[in-house]
Amino acid sequence: MVDKEKTKALHQAVKPFAKSTTSKSVIQMVNTLIPLVLLLVAGYIVAEYTLLGAAVISVVASLFAVRTFIIFHDCTHGSFFKNRKLNAIVGTITGILTLFGYSKWRREHLIHHTSSSNLDKRGIGDIWVMTIDEYREASKMTRLGYRLYRNPIVMFGFGPLYLLLISNRKNRKDAKMDERLNTYFINFVLVAGYGALCYFVGWQSVLVVSGLSMFIAGSLGIWLFFIQHTFEDSYFEWTEEWDYVKAAVEGSSYYHLPKPLQWLTGNIGFHHVHHLAPRVPNYELEDAHMQTPPLQQAPTITIKKSLDSLKYKLYNEETHYFITFRQFNKHFLKTTPNPLIPIKKAV
């Protein structure tokens, strides 16, 4: 647990890492964007001869698309470059490459950071989480909708399609004009660009090369976001008890990945560091984690352990643990549970 006395010390400890280095940012753009573009071009060339071969290239390209998204993500936080306008330009370009709206996602993601793990402020930029009481009192249709939403096939199969083709293409009703214009501009570039590609190389090639790579990247992105906030003893609280540092260190995981995957995902596995200090650029997250001992106590999730999170569906406010639907049906469906008998381990 992180008490209030440690809050200031933690922020001071990571402060030296909360600054961008232009040379590192440029190098990351070179070793990310150039391979992505080359792979996509290669995919379209190969598609002229074999769509299967193009699909294989698309899978590799999707990994660099994830890394490209991390650059986009840092730009939205103003942490990739010192210059705000440069962040906006690079963020818009990488947003086009990954099918995200820069200004739209920037605002919604910043809301996520200020409300992450707050049960009173769910609904913007987060994964839908229901508590045991909410699910028990919900209508049958709401329960069905929630079950479908938390189904892996829906979340990681249909989720990317909805996110990239629908959600990212429109603004919230309270969006300001500059945000709307940025979204309109990106949508126009995407329609014009993909329209031209379909005309010159054919829609089949576009579907296999760009479509498949973006779909896989979107699915991987949702998975990373899901696992970094959905683990057995994740932190969630109502506003009166909610604490920013606890939400960062206890409500965000350290996703321990093999070095190649860590590189391809832009160190986003150090999500607890990112939530504590969003201005730390991705290439400084590992050093911030390694040189700040308290951060090394954050919940650590391995690839094998992360698969267990697929069964965690409902949050138990009394024990501060996620439970499965099976546990709900067995212990919470009809009777009020005894909060003194916590059900911790999912089965």
Protein backbone atom coordinates (compact mmCIF):
# COMPACT_ATOMS: atom_id res chain seq x y z
CA MET A 1 0.00 0.00 0.00
CA VAL A 2 1.11 3.55 -0.66
CA ASP A 3 0.37 6.04 2.14
CA LYS A 4 0.17 9.78 1.71
CA GLU A 5 3.62 10.34 3.19
CA LYS A 6 5.16 8.45 0.28
CA THR A 7 3.26 10.30 -2.41
CA LYS A 8 5.58 13.31 -2.61
CA ALA A 9 8.67 11.10 -2.42
CA LEU A 10 7.43 8.97 -5.31
CA HIS A 11 6.77 11.97 -7.50
CA GLN A 12 10.18 13.39 -6.69
CA ALA A 13 11.83 10.05 -7.46
CA VAL A 14 10.38 9.84 -10.98
CA LYS A 15 10.64 13.56 -11.76
CA PRO A 16 14.13 13.26 -13.34
CA PHE A 17 12.68 10.84 -15.91
CA ALA A 18 9.76 13.08 -16.84
CA LYS A 19 11.52 14.85 -19.68
CA SER A 20 11.94 13.99 -23.32
CA THR A 21 15.23 13.68 -25.19
CA THR A 22 14.92 14.80 -28.79
CA SER A 23 17.58 12.41 -30.09
CA LYS A 24 15.90 9.42 -28.44
CA SER A 25 12.51 10.45 -29.82
CA VAL A 26 13.87 10.85 -33.33
CA ILE A 27 15.66 7.50 -33.17
CA GLN A 28 12.44 5.84 -32.04
CA MET A 29 10.56 7.38 -34.94
CA VAL A 30 13.21 6.10 -37.36
CA ASN A 31 13.27 2.54 -36.00
CA THR A 32 9.48 2.40 -35.83
CA LEU A 33 7.87 4.36 -38.65
CA ILE A 34 10.32 3.37 -41.39
CA PRO A 35 9.95 -0.38 -40.72
CA LEU A 36 6.16 0.02 -40.55
CA VAL A 37 5.98 1.81 -43.91
CA LEU A 38 8.44 -0.60 -45.54
CA LEU A 39 6.49 -3.61 -44.30
CA LEU A 40 3.21 -2.19 -45.60
CA VAL A 41 4.78 -1.42 -48.98
CA ALA A 42 6.26 -4.92 -49.09
CA GLY A 43 2.87 -6.33 -48.21
CA TYR A 44 1.22 -4.58 -51.13
CA ILE A 45 3.94 -5.74 -53.52
CA VAL A 46 3.67 -9.35 -52.34
CA ALA A 47 -0.15 -9.15 -52.50
CA GLU A 48 0.16 -8.94 -56.27
CA TYR A 49 1.40 -12.53 -56.22
CA THR A 50 0.04 -14.11 -53.03
CA LEU A 51 -2.43 -12.79 -50.47
CA LEU A 52 -1.26 -15.40 -47.97
CA GLY A 53 2.29 -14.07 -48.12
CA ALA A 54 0.95 -10.53 -47.74
CA ALA A 55 -1.00 -11.64 -44.67
CA VAL A 56 2.19 -12.93 -43.05
CA ILE A 57 3.87 -9.57 -43.64
CA SER A 58 0.78 -7.84 -42.20
CA VAL A 59 1.16 -9.74 -38.93
CA VAL A 60 4.71 -8.42 -38.54
CA ALA A 61 3.58 -4.93 -39.56
CA SER A 62 0.91 -5.02 -36.83
CA LEU A 63 3.64 -5.21 -34.18
CA PHE A 64 5.26 -2.04 -35.51
CA ALA A 65 1.79 -0.46 -35.65
CA VAL A 66 1.53 -1.08 -31.90
CA ARG A 67 4.90 0.59 -31.40
CA THR A 68 3.74 3.47 -33.61
CA PHE A 69 0.70 3.86 -31.38
CA ILE A 70 3.00 4.26 -28.37
CA ILE A 71 4.60 7.26 -30.09
CA PHE A 72 1.10 8.61 -30.73
CA HIS A 73 0.23 7.94 -27.10
CA ASP A 74 3.27 9.83 -25.80
CA CYS A 75 2.47 12.77 -28.07
CA THR A 76 -1.01 13.03 -26.54
CA HIS A 77 0.65 13.35 -23.13
CA GLY A 78 3.11 15.95 -24.42
CA SER A 79 5.96 13.68 -23.36
CA PHE A 80 7.51 12.72 -26.71
CA PHE A 81 8.84 16.18 -27.58
CA LYS A 82 9.28 19.32 -25.53
CA ASN A 83 7.46 21.37 -28.16
CA ARG A 84 3.67 21.14 -27.94
CA LYS A 85 3.12 21.86 -31.63
CA LEU A 86 5.62 19.18 -32.63
CA ASN A 87 3.79 16.69 -30.42
CA ALA A 88 0.54 17.62 -32.17
CA ILE A 89 2.04 17.21 -35.66
CA VAL A 90 3.70 13.87 -34.95
CA GLY A 91 0.66 12.77 -32.97
CA THR A 92 -1.65 13.53 -35.89
CA ILE A 93 0.61 11.69 -38.36
CA THR A 94 0.93 8.61 -36.14
CA GLY A 95 -2.80 8.86 -35.47
CA ILE A 96 -3.44 8.61 -39.22
CA LEU A 97 -1.13 5.59 -39.44
CA THR A 98 -2.92 3.84 -36.56
CA LEU A 99 -6.47 5.11 -37.31
CA PHE A 100 -6.75 7.27 -34.19
CA GLY A 101 -7.85 10.88 -33.84
CA TYR A 102 -5.17 12.89 -32.04
CA SER A 103 -7.18 15.65 -30.35
CA LYS A 104 -10.15 13.40 -29.60
CA TRP A 105 -8.11 10.62 -28.05
CA ARG A 106 -5.87 13.07 -26.21
CA ARG A 107 -8.78 14.57 -24.29
CA GLU A 108 -10.48 11.24 -23.55
CA HIS A 109 -7.23 9.61 -22.48
CA LEU A 110 -6.37 12.46 -20.12
CA ILE A 111 -9.80 11.98 -18.54
CA HIS A 112 -8.93 8.30 -18.12
CA HIS A 113 -5.76 9.26 -16.25
CA THR A 114 -7.56 11.56 -13.84
CA SER A 115 -10.30 9.02 -13.11
CA SER A 116 -8.65 5.61 -13.48
CA SER A 117 -9.90 3.12 -10.84
CA ASN A 118 -12.52 5.63 -9.63
CA LEU A 119 -15.84 3.79 -9.50
CA ASP A 120 -17.76 7.08 -9.62
CA LYS A 121 -16.09 8.21 -12.85
CA ARG A 122 -16.23 5.23 -15.16
CA GLY A 123 -17.24 5.49 -18.79
CA ILE A 124 -14.62 7.51 -20.65
CA GLY A 125 -11.48 5.87 -21.98
CA ASP A 126 -11.71 2.75 -19.87
CA ILE A 127 -12.85 -0.87 -19.87
CA TRP A 128 -16.43 -1.41 -18.67
CA VAL A 129 -16.30 -2.76 -15.11
CA MET A 130 -19.33 -3.58 -12.98
CA THR A 131 -19.34 -4.27 -9.27
CA ILE A 132 -21.12 -7.27 -7.77
CA ASP A 133 -24.00 -5.13 -6.47
CA GLU A 134 -24.41 -3.32 -9.80
CA TYR A 135 -24.55 -6.57 -11.73
CA ARG A 136 -26.99 -8.16 -9.27
CA GLU A 137 -29.35 -5.18 -9.54
CA ALA A 138 -28.99 -4.78 -13.32
CA SER A 139 -31.71 -5.73 -15.80
CA LYS A 140 -31.40 -8.92 -17.82
CA MET A 141 -30.56 -6.91 -20.92
CA THR A 142 -27.79 -5.01 -19.12
CA ARG A 143 -26.39 -8.27 -17.77
CA LEU A 144 -26.46 -9.77 -21.25
CA GLY A 145 -24.77 -6.71 -22.70
CA TYR A 146 -22.07 -6.84 -20.03
CA ARG A 147 -21.47 -10.56 -20.55
CA LEU A 148 -21.12 -10.03 -24.27
CA TYR A 149 -18.80 -7.05 -23.73
CA ARG A 150 -16.52 -9.08 -21.44
CA ASN A 151 -16.48 -12.05 -23.80
CA PRO A 152 -12.96 -12.35 -25.31
CA ILE A 153 -14.33 -12.92 -28.81
CA VAL A 154 -16.32 -9.69 -28.60
CA MET A 155 -13.69 -7.64 -26.78
CA PHE A 156 -10.70 -8.63 -28.87
CA GLY A 157 -12.51 -9.64 -32.07
CA PHE A 158 -15.30 -7.12 -32.62
CA GLY A 159 -13.76 -4.55 -30.26
CA PRO A 160 -11.00 -3.42 -32.65
CA LEU A 161 -13.50 -3.05 -35.49
CA TYR A 162 -15.79 -0.85 -33.40
CA LEU A 163 -12.87 1.15 -32.00
CA LEU A 164 -11.10 1.83 -35.29
CA LEU A 165 -14.05 2.16 -37.66
CA ILE A 166 -16.75 3.75 -35.49
CA SER A 167 -15.61 5.11 -32.13
CA ASN A 168 -12.43 6.77 -33.43
CA ARG A 169 -14.26 8.37 -36.32
CA LYS A 170 -16.63 10.53 -34.28
CA ASN A 171 -16.37 13.01 -31.42
CA ARG A 172 -18.24 13.18 -28.17
CA LYS A 173 -21.09 15.70 -28.03
CA ASP A 174 -19.12 18.06 -25.75
CA ALA A 175 -16.10 18.20 -28.07
CA LYS A 176 -14.81 21.66 -29.00
CA MET A 177 -14.40 22.80 -32.59
CA ASP A 178 -10.61 22.37 -32.76
CA GLU A 179 -10.98 18.76 -31.66
CA ARG A 180 -13.71 18.17 -34.22
CA LEU A 181 -11.63 19.72 -36.99
CA ASN A 182 -8.70 17.45 -36.15
CA THR A 183 -10.99 14.42 -36.33
CA TYR A 184 -12.53 15.61 -39.62
CA PHE A 185 -9.07 16.15 -41.09
CA ILE A 186 -7.84 12.69 -40.08
CA ASN A 187 -11.05 11.08 -41.36
CA PHE A 188 -10.68 12.90 -44.69
CA VAL A 189 -7.05 11.77 -45.07
CA LEU A 190 -8.01 8.18 -44.24
CA VAL A 191 -10.91 8.09 -46.71
CA ALA A 192 -8.82 9.70 -49.45
CA GLY A 193 -5.78 7.55 -48.74
CA TYR A 194 -7.54 4.22 -48.50
CA GLY A 195 -9.78 5.14 -51.40
CA ALA A 196 -6.71 5.73 -53.56
CA LEU A 197 -5.16 2.46 -52.41
CA CYS A 198 -8.32 0.55 -53.29
CA TYR A 199 -8.33 2.17 -56.73
CA PHE A 200 -4.68 1.42 -57.53
CA VAL A 201 -4.04 -1.93 -55.82
CA GLY A 202 -7.55 -3.31 -55.23
CA TRP A 203 -9.71 -3.63 -52.16
CA GLN A 204 -8.60 -7.21 -51.55
CA SER A 205 -4.99 -6.14 -51.10
CA VAL A 206 -6.02 -3.24 -48.86
CA LEU A 207 -8.09 -5.57 -46.72
CA VAL A 208 -5.30 -8.12 -46.31
CA VAL A 209 -2.39 -5.70 -45.85
CA SER A 210 -3.66 -2.58 -44.07
CA GLY A 211 -6.92 -4.06 -42.78
CA LEU A 212 -5.38 -7.13 -41.19
CA SER A 213 -2.40 -5.28 -39.72
CA MET A 214 -4.60 -2.60 -38.15
CA PHE A 215 -7.05 -5.20 -36.84
CA ILE A 216 -4.32 -7.22 -35.13
CA ALA A 217 -2.70 -4.08 -33.75
CA GLY A 218 -6.07 -2.91 -32.43
CA SER A 219 -6.71 -6.26 -30.78
CA LEU A 220 -3.25 -6.25 -29.18
CA GLY A 221 -3.78 -2.68 -28.00
CA ILE A 222 -7.08 -3.55 -26.33
CA TRP A 223 -5.42 -6.57 -24.73
CA LEU A 224 -2.61 -4.44 -23.30
CA PHE A 225 -5.06 -1.88 -21.94
CA PHE A 226 -7.26 -4.63 -20.51
CA ILE A 227 -4.51 -6.54 -18.73
CA GLN A 228 -2.95 -3.42 -17.27
CA HIS A 229 -6.11 -2.57 -15.36
CA THR A 230 -7.79 -5.96 -14.94
CA PHE A 231 -6.01 -8.30 -12.57
CA GLU A 232 -7.23 -10.15 -9.52
CA ASP A 233 -6.46 -7.62 -6.79
CA SER A 234 -6.65 -4.44 -8.85
CA TYR A 235 -7.43 -1.21 -7.01
CA PHE A 236 -10.87 0.40 -7.40
CA GLU A 237 -12.54 2.86 -5.03
CA TRP A 238 -15.38 5.35 -4.86
CA THR A 239 -14.47 9.04 -4.96
CA GLU A 240 -14.38 9.58 -1.20
CA GLU A 241 -11.72 6.87 -0.79
CA TRP A 242 -10.01 7.16 -4.17
CA ASP A 243 -6.32 8.09 -4.23
CA TYR A 244 -4.37 9.03 -7.37
CA VAL A 245 -1.12 7.35 -6.35
CA LYS A 246 -2.84 4.16 -5.24
CA ALA A 247 -4.76 4.10 -8.50
CA ALA A 248 -1.45 4.35 -10.37
CA VAL A 249 0.66 1.92 -8.34
CA GLU A 250 -2.02 -0.56 -7.24
CA GLY A 251 -4.58 -0.12 -10.01
CA SER A 252 -2.10 -0.46 -12.89
CA SER A 253 0.07 -3.48 -13.44
CA TYR A 254 3.67 -4.05 -14.41
CA TYR A 255 3.28 -6.35 -17.41
CA HIS A 256 6.59 -8.22 -17.44
CA LEU A 257 7.26 -9.07 -21.08
CA PRO A 258 10.23 -10.65 -22.87
CA LYS A 259 12.63 -7.96 -24.15
CA PRO A 260 11.57 -8.17 -27.82
CA LEU A 261 7.89 -7.73 -26.91
CA GLN A 262 8.78 -5.01 -24.42
CA TRP A 263 10.54 -3.14 -27.23
CA LEU A 264 7.69 -3.62 -29.71
CA THR A 265 5.15 -2.41 -27.15
CA GLY A 266 7.20 0.66 -26.27
CA ASN A 267 7.67 -0.26 -22.60
CA ILE A 268 3.97 0.24 -21.96
CA GLY A 269 4.15 -2.78 -19.66
CA PHE A 270 5.52 -0.35 -17.06
CA HIS A 271 2.01 1.00 -16.88
CA HIS A 272 2.15 1.78 -13.17
CA VAL A 273 5.02 4.21 -13.82
CA HIS A 274 3.12 5.78 -16.70
CA HIS A 275 0.01 6.35 -14.59
CA LEU A 276 2.03 7.83 -11.75
CA ALA A 277 3.90 10.20 -14.06
CA PRO A 278 2.35 10.49 -17.56
CA ARG A 279 5.04 12.94 -18.68
CA VAL A 280 7.70 10.22 -18.55
CA PRO A 281 8.37 9.24 -22.20
CA ASN A 282 8.09 5.55 -23.01
CA TYR A 283 11.84 5.12 -23.44
CA GLU A 284 12.43 6.26 -19.83
CA LEU A 285 9.76 4.10 -18.16
CA GLU A 286 12.01 1.11 -17.49
CA ASP A 287 14.75 3.21 -15.88
CA ALA A 288 12.16 5.00 -13.74
CA HIS A 289 10.86 1.62 -12.58
CA MET A 290 14.29 0.14 -11.90
CA GLN A 291 15.61 3.17 -10.03
CA THR A 292 12.53 3.70 -7.87
CA PRO A 293 12.29 0.76 -5.39
CA PRO A 294 8.68 1.44 -4.26
CA LEU A 295 7.49 1.11 -7.86
CA GLN A 296 8.98 -2.38 -8.00
CA GLN A 297 6.27 -3.45 -5.53
CA ALA A 298 3.54 -2.83 -8.11
CA PRO A 299 1.43 -5.83 -9.17
CA THR A 300 3.56 -7.85 -11.60
CA ILE A 301 1.82 -9.78 -14.38
CA THR A 302 3.55 -12.31 -16.62
CA ILE A 303 2.19 -13.49 -19.97
CA LYS A 304 1.06 -16.76 -18.39
CA LYS A 305 -0.56 -15.00 -15.45
CA SER A 306 -2.19 -12.42 -17.69
CA LEU A 307 -4.32 -15.12 -19.33
CA ASP A 308 -6.02 -15.67 -15.96
CA SER A 309 -7.45 -12.15 -16.17
CA LEU A 310 -9.81 -13.25 -18.92
CA LYS A 311 -12.00 -14.89 -16.28
CA TYR A 312 -12.19 -11.85 -13.98
CA LYS A 313 -15.55 -10.20 -14.62
CA LEU A 314 -17.00 -8.46 -11.57
CA TYR A 315 -15.38 -6.33 -8.88
CA ASN A 316 -15.95 -7.13 -5.21
CA GLU A 317 -15.95 -3.81 -3.35
CA GLU A 318 -15.68 -5.51 0.05
CA THR A 319 -12.59 -7.62 -0.64
CA HIS A 320 -11.11 -5.49 -3.45
CA TYR A 321 -10.79 -8.52 -5.69
CA PHE A 322 -12.23 -9.43 -9.06
CA ILE A 323 -14.41 -12.53 -9.23
CA THR A 324 -15.70 -14.74 -12.03
CA PHE A 325 -19.29 -15.11 -13.23
CA ARG A 326 -19.17 -18.64 -11.82
CA GLN A 327 -18.32 -17.30 -8.37
CA PHE A 328 -21.10 -14.74 -8.65
CA ASN A 329 -23.68 -17.40 -9.49
CA LYS A 330 -22.50 -19.58 -6.62
CA HIS A 331 -22.07 -17.03 -3.84
CA PHE A 332 -23.76 -13.73 -4.73
CA LEU A 333 -26.70 -14.31 -7.07
CA LYS A 334 -29.56 -14.57 -4.58
CA THR A 335 -28.17 -13.80 -1.17
CA THR A 336 -26.16 -10.95 0.30
CA PRO A 337 -22.62 -12.22 0.86
CA ASN A 338 -20.83 -11.99 4.18
CA PRO A 339 -18.12 -9.38 3.60
CA LEU A 340 -16.05 -10.97 6.36
CA ILE A 341 -15.58 -14.07 4.21
CA PRO A 342 -13.68 -12.76 1.18
CA ILE A 343 -13.57 -14.82 -1.96
CA LYS A 344 -10.14 -14.14 -3.33
CA LYS A 345 -9.07 -16.86 -5.66
CA ALA A 346 -10.91 -17.28 -8.92
CA VAL A 347 -11.75 -20.80 -9.95
